């Protein structure tokens, strides 16, 4: 089991720690914003690039206790979801969250819209599986 720690970084410093199994399916991908490729009259290609690269990811957590799941939901609603505050994700041993193995993420945003739909999946009495979408600028 791993302890995943999320810390609010704007408007306070509320922390939530979740004991879980961080599993396969935890993944991320990069998306370059404001990049346009144009084909020129002579058949060449020109790429115009003016935006940052944004990394989108999903943490897949298994075996989260009812108490930790409710704490995550409360933290998300009270500090992140509606206020749009940013947070950090503490480094997790041997896991690449988008910046390399064993590297914490800073200035992270919730990437699940204005809803917690799909966040918690009640799988057994007292246990959740969690899918936590996030994004950060590389």
C-alpha atoms as a PDB file:
ATOM      1  CA  UNK A   1       0.000   0.000   0.000  1.00  0.00           C
ATOM      2  CA  UNK A   2       1.089   3.533  -0.816  1.00  0.00           C
ATOM      3  CA  UNK A   3       0.181   6.822   0.820  1.00  0.00           C
ATOM      4  CA  UNK A   4      -0.692   9.466  -1.765  1.00  0.00           C
ATOM      5  CA  UNK A   5      -0.570  13.031  -0.439  1.00  0.00           C
ATOM      6  CA  UNK A   6      -2.378  15.956  -2.097  1.00  0.00           C
ATOM      7  CA  UNK A   7      -1.810  19.479  -0.780  1.00  0.00           C
ATOM      8  CA  UNK A   8      -3.756  22.618  -1.694  1.00  0.00           C
ATOM      9  CA  UNK A   9      -1.292  25.361  -2.726  1.00  0.00           C
ATOM     10  CA  UNK A  10      -3.581  28.380  -3.191  1.00  0.00           C
ATOM     11  CA  UNK A  11      -5.964  29.893  -0.682  1.00  0.00           C
ATOM     12  CA  UNK A  12      -4.658  27.699   2.133  1.00  0.00           C
ATOM     13  CA  UNK A  13      -2.681  24.525   2.599  1.00  0.00           C
ATOM     14  CA  UNK A  14      -5.225  21.810   3.290  1.00  0.00           C
ATOM     15  CA  UNK A  15      -3.787  18.303   2.977  1.00  0.00           C
ATOM     16  CA  UNK A  16      -5.436  14.957   2.264  1.00  0.00           C
ATOM     17  CA  UNK A  17      -3.498  11.696   2.525  1.00  0.00           C
ATOM     18  CA  UNK A  18      -4.921   8.519   1.008  1.00  0.00           C
ATOM     19  CA  UNK A  19      -3.656   5.009   1.694  1.00  0.00           C
ATOM     20  CA  UNK A  20      -4.169   2.962  -1.458  1.00  0.00           C
ATOM     21  CA  UNK A  21      -2.708   0.767  -4.163  1.00  0.00           C
ATOM     22  CA  UNK A  22      -1.603   2.984  -7.053  1.00  0.00           C
ATOM     23  CA  UNK A  23      -2.133   0.673 -10.017  1.00  0.00           C
ATOM     24  CA  UNK A  24      -1.613   0.181 -13.713  1.00  0.00           C
ATOM     25  CA  UNK A  25      -3.861   2.548 -15.582  1.00  0.00           C
ATOM     26  CA  UNK A  26      -2.343   5.534 -13.817  1.00  0.00           C
ATOM     27  CA  UNK A  27      -1.276   7.318 -16.965  1.00  0.00           C
ATOM     28  CA  UNK A  28      -0.654  10.719 -18.529  1.00  0.00           C
ATOM     29  CA  UNK A  29      -0.252  12.338 -21.952  1.00  0.00           C
ATOM     30  CA  UNK A  30       0.969  15.685 -23.261  1.00  0.00           C
ATOM     31  CA  UNK A  31      -1.027  18.123 -25.371  1.00  0.00           C
ATOM     32  CA  UNK A  32       0.618  21.103 -27.085  1.00  0.00           C
ATOM     33  CA  UNK A  33      -1.688  24.144 -27.092  1.00  0.00           C
ATOM     34  CA  UNK A  34      -1.941  26.709 -29.918  1.00  0.00           C
ATOM     35  CA  UNK A  35       0.198  24.726 -32.327  1.00  0.00           C
ATOM     36  CA  UNK A  36      -0.832  24.920 -35.965  1.00  0.00           C
ATOM     37  CA  UNK A  37       0.671  23.246 -39.015  1.00  0.00           C
ATOM     38  CA  UNK A  38       0.005  24.828 -42.400  1.00  0.00           C
ATOM     39  CA  UNK A  39       0.707  23.383 -45.832  1.00  0.00           C
ATOM     40  CA  UNK A  40       2.314  25.990 -48.060  1.00  0.00           C
ATOM     41  CA  UNK A  41       1.710  26.537 -51.800  1.00  0.00           C
ATOM     42  CA  UNK A  42       4.948  24.716 -52.693  1.00  0.00           C
ATOM     43  CA  UNK A  43       3.875  21.605 -50.741  1.00  0.00           C
ATOM     44  CA  UNK A  44       5.990  22.315 -47.669  1.00  0.00           C
ATOM     45  CA  UNK A  45       4.798  22.278 -44.095  1.00  0.00           C
ATOM     46  CA  UNK A  46       5.214  25.155 -41.646  1.00  0.00           C
ATOM     47  CA  UNK A  47       4.448  24.779 -37.941  1.00  0.00           C
ATOM     48  CA  UNK A  48       3.500  27.801 -35.862  1.00  0.00           C
ATOM     49  CA  UNK A  49       3.915  27.263 -32.155  1.00  0.00           C
ATOM     50  CA  UNK A  50       2.963  29.768 -29.483  1.00  0.00           C
ATOM     51  CA  UNK A  51       1.507  27.777 -26.609  1.00  0.00           C
ATOM     52  CA  UNK A  52       2.562  25.727 -23.633  1.00  0.00           C
ATOM     53  CA  UNK A  53       2.442  21.963 -23.322  1.00  0.00           C
ATOM     54  CA  UNK A  54      -0.204  20.727 -20.910  1.00  0.00           C
ATOM     55  CA  UNK A  55       0.039  17.278 -19.359  1.00  0.00           C
ATOM     56  CA  UNK A  56      -3.230  15.469 -18.588  1.00  0.00           C
ATOM     57  CA  UNK A  57      -3.177  12.465 -16.286  1.00  0.00           C
ATOM     58  CA  UNK A  58      -5.322  10.075 -14.282  1.00  0.00           C
ATOM     59  CA  UNK A  59      -4.425   8.517 -10.953  1.00  0.00           C
ATOM     60  CA  UNK A  60      -6.031   5.096 -10.564  1.00  0.00           C
ATOM     61  CA  UNK A  61      -6.244   4.147  -6.886  1.00  0.00           C
ATOM     62  CA  UNK A  62      -7.508   0.807  -5.621  1.00  0.00           C
ATOM     63  CA  UNK A  63      -8.390  -0.364  -2.118  1.00  0.00           C
ATOM     64  CA  UNK A  64      -9.148   3.112  -0.771  1.00  0.00           C
ATOM     65  CA  UNK A  65     -10.944   2.949   2.564  1.00  0.00           C
ATOM     66  CA  UNK A  66     -14.359   4.511   2.993  1.00  0.00           C
ATOM     67  CA  UNK A  67     -12.855   7.085   5.376  1.00  0.00           C
ATOM     68  CA  UNK A  68     -10.076   8.090   2.953  1.00  0.00           C
ATOM     69  CA  UNK A  69     -12.521   8.207   0.028  1.00  0.00           C
ATOM     70  CA  UNK A  70     -14.840  10.530   1.925  1.00  0.00           C
ATOM     71  CA  UNK A  71     -11.871  12.685   3.016  1.00  0.00           C
ATOM     72  CA  UNK A  72     -10.764  12.992  -0.633  1.00  0.00           C
ATOM     73  CA  UNK A  73     -14.286  13.907  -1.732  1.00  0.00           C
ATOM     74  CA  UNK A  74     -14.624  16.529   1.026  1.00  0.00           C
ATOM     75  CA  UNK A  75     -11.151  18.006   0.252  1.00  0.00           C
ATOM     76  CA  UNK A  76     -11.967  18.147  -3.446  1.00  0.00           C
ATOM     77  CA  UNK A  77     -15.344  19.833  -2.946  1.00  0.00           C
ATOM     78  CA  UNK A  78     -14.186  22.243  -0.238  1.00  0.00           C
ATOM     79  CA  UNK A  79     -10.872  23.357  -1.724  1.00  0.00           C
ATOM     80  CA  UNK A  80     -10.397  22.368  -5.343  1.00  0.00           C
ATOM     81  CA  UNK A  81     -13.524  21.665  -7.386  1.00  0.00           C
ATOM     82  CA  UNK A  82     -15.453  24.924  -7.078  1.00  0.00           C
ATOM     83  CA  UNK A  83     -12.709  27.305  -5.962  1.00  0.00           C
ATOM     84  CA  UNK A  84     -10.380  26.050  -8.723  1.00  0.00           C
ATOM     85  CA  UNK A  85      -7.406  26.181  -6.390  1.00  0.00           C
ATOM     86  CA  UNK A  86      -4.229  24.416  -7.418  1.00  0.00           C
ATOM     87  CA  UNK A  87      -2.562  21.603  -5.510  1.00  0.00           C
ATOM     88  CA  UNK A  88       0.570  19.465  -5.398  1.00  0.00           C
ATOM     89  CA  UNK A  89       0.853  15.708  -5.706  1.00  0.00           C
ATOM     90  CA  UNK A  90       3.666  14.279  -3.583  1.00  0.00           C
ATOM     91  CA  UNK A  91       6.182  11.999  -5.289  1.00  0.00           C
ATOM     92  CA  UNK A  92       5.310   8.309  -5.291  1.00  0.00           C
ATOM     93  CA  UNK A  93       8.133   5.751  -5.298  1.00  0.00           C
ATOM     94  CA  UNK A  94       8.805   4.299  -8.768  1.00  0.00           C
ATOM     95  CA  UNK A  95       5.786   6.018 -10.362  1.00  0.00           C
ATOM     96  CA  UNK A  96       5.956   8.570 -13.194  1.00  0.00           C
ATOM     97  CA  UNK A  97       3.122  11.077 -12.781  1.00  0.00           C
ATOM     98  CA  UNK A  98       4.244  13.084 -15.825  1.00  0.00           C
ATOM     99  CA  UNK A  99       7.606  14.576 -14.809  1.00  0.00           C
ATOM    100  CA  UNK A 100       9.644  11.407 -14.297  1.00  0.00           C
ATOM    101  CA  UNK A 101       9.787   8.688 -11.659  1.00  0.00           C
ATOM    102  CA  UNK A 102       9.846   9.766  -8.018  1.00  0.00           C
ATOM    103  CA  UNK A 103       9.059  13.390  -8.947  1.00  0.00           C
ATOM    104  CA  UNK A 104       6.348  15.448  -7.237  1.00  0.00           C
ATOM    105  CA  UNK A 105       3.921  17.521  -9.280  1.00  0.00           C
ATOM    106  CA  UNK A 106       3.434  21.181  -8.412  1.00  0.00           C
ATOM    107  CA  UNK A 107       0.848  23.647  -9.705  1.00  0.00           C
ATOM    108  CA  UNK A 108      -1.644  20.909 -10.560  1.00  0.00           C
ATOM    109  CA  UNK A 109      -5.310  21.431 -11.443  1.00  0.00           C
ATOM    110  CA  UNK A 110      -8.333  19.135 -11.237  1.00  0.00           C
ATOM    111  CA  UNK A 111      -9.172  17.934 -14.769  1.00  0.00           C
ATOM    112  CA  UNK A 112     -12.618  16.467 -14.157  1.00  0.00           C
ATOM    113  CA  UNK A 113     -14.755  19.499 -14.928  1.00  0.00           C
ATOM    114  CA  UNK A 114     -17.239  20.757 -12.332  1.00  0.00           C
ATOM    115  CA  UNK A 115     -18.374  17.316 -11.261  1.00  0.00           C
ATOM    116  CA  UNK A 116     -17.102  14.444  -9.149  1.00  0.00           C
ATOM    117  CA  UNK A 117     -18.942  11.945 -11.350  1.00  0.00           C
ATOM    118  CA  UNK A 118     -16.832   8.825 -11.767  1.00  0.00           C
ATOM    119  CA  UNK A 119     -14.369   9.818  -9.046  1.00  0.00           C
ATOM    120  CA  UNK A 120     -15.372   7.164  -6.499  1.00  0.00           C
ATOM    121  CA  UNK A 121     -16.473   3.649  -7.377  1.00  0.00           C
ATOM    122  CA  UNK A 122     -17.842   1.741  -4.392  1.00  0.00           C
ATOM    123  CA  UNK A 123     -16.491  -1.793  -4.964  1.00  0.00           C
ATOM    124  CA  UNK A 124     -16.941  -3.576  -1.631  1.00  0.00           C
ATOM    125  CA  UNK A 125     -18.201  -2.751   1.832  1.00  0.00           C
ATOM    126  CA  UNK A 126     -15.920   0.008   3.085  1.00  0.00           C
ATOM    127  CA  UNK A 127     -13.769   0.199  -0.092  1.00  0.00           C
ATOM    128  CA  UNK A 128     -13.521   2.480  -3.100  1.00  0.00           C
ATOM    129  CA  UNK A 129     -11.639   2.536  -6.345  1.00  0.00           C
ATOM    130  CA  UNK A 130     -10.739   6.095  -7.362  1.00  0.00           C
ATOM    131  CA  UNK A 131     -10.065   7.674 -10.777  1.00  0.00           C
ATOM    132  CA  UNK A 132      -8.555  11.122 -10.159  1.00  0.00           C
ATOM    133  CA  UNK A 133      -8.002  13.239 -13.307  1.00  0.00           C
ATOM    134  CA  UNK A 134      -5.410  16.024 -13.123  1.00  0.00           C
ATOM    135  CA  UNK A 135      -3.514  18.432 -15.379  1.00  0.00           C
ATOM    136  CA  UNK A 136      -0.429  20.607 -15.171  1.00  0.00           C
ATOM    137  CA  UNK A 137       1.621  22.826 -17.469  1.00  0.00           C
ATOM    138  CA  UNK A 138       4.965  21.331 -18.446  1.00  0.00           C
END
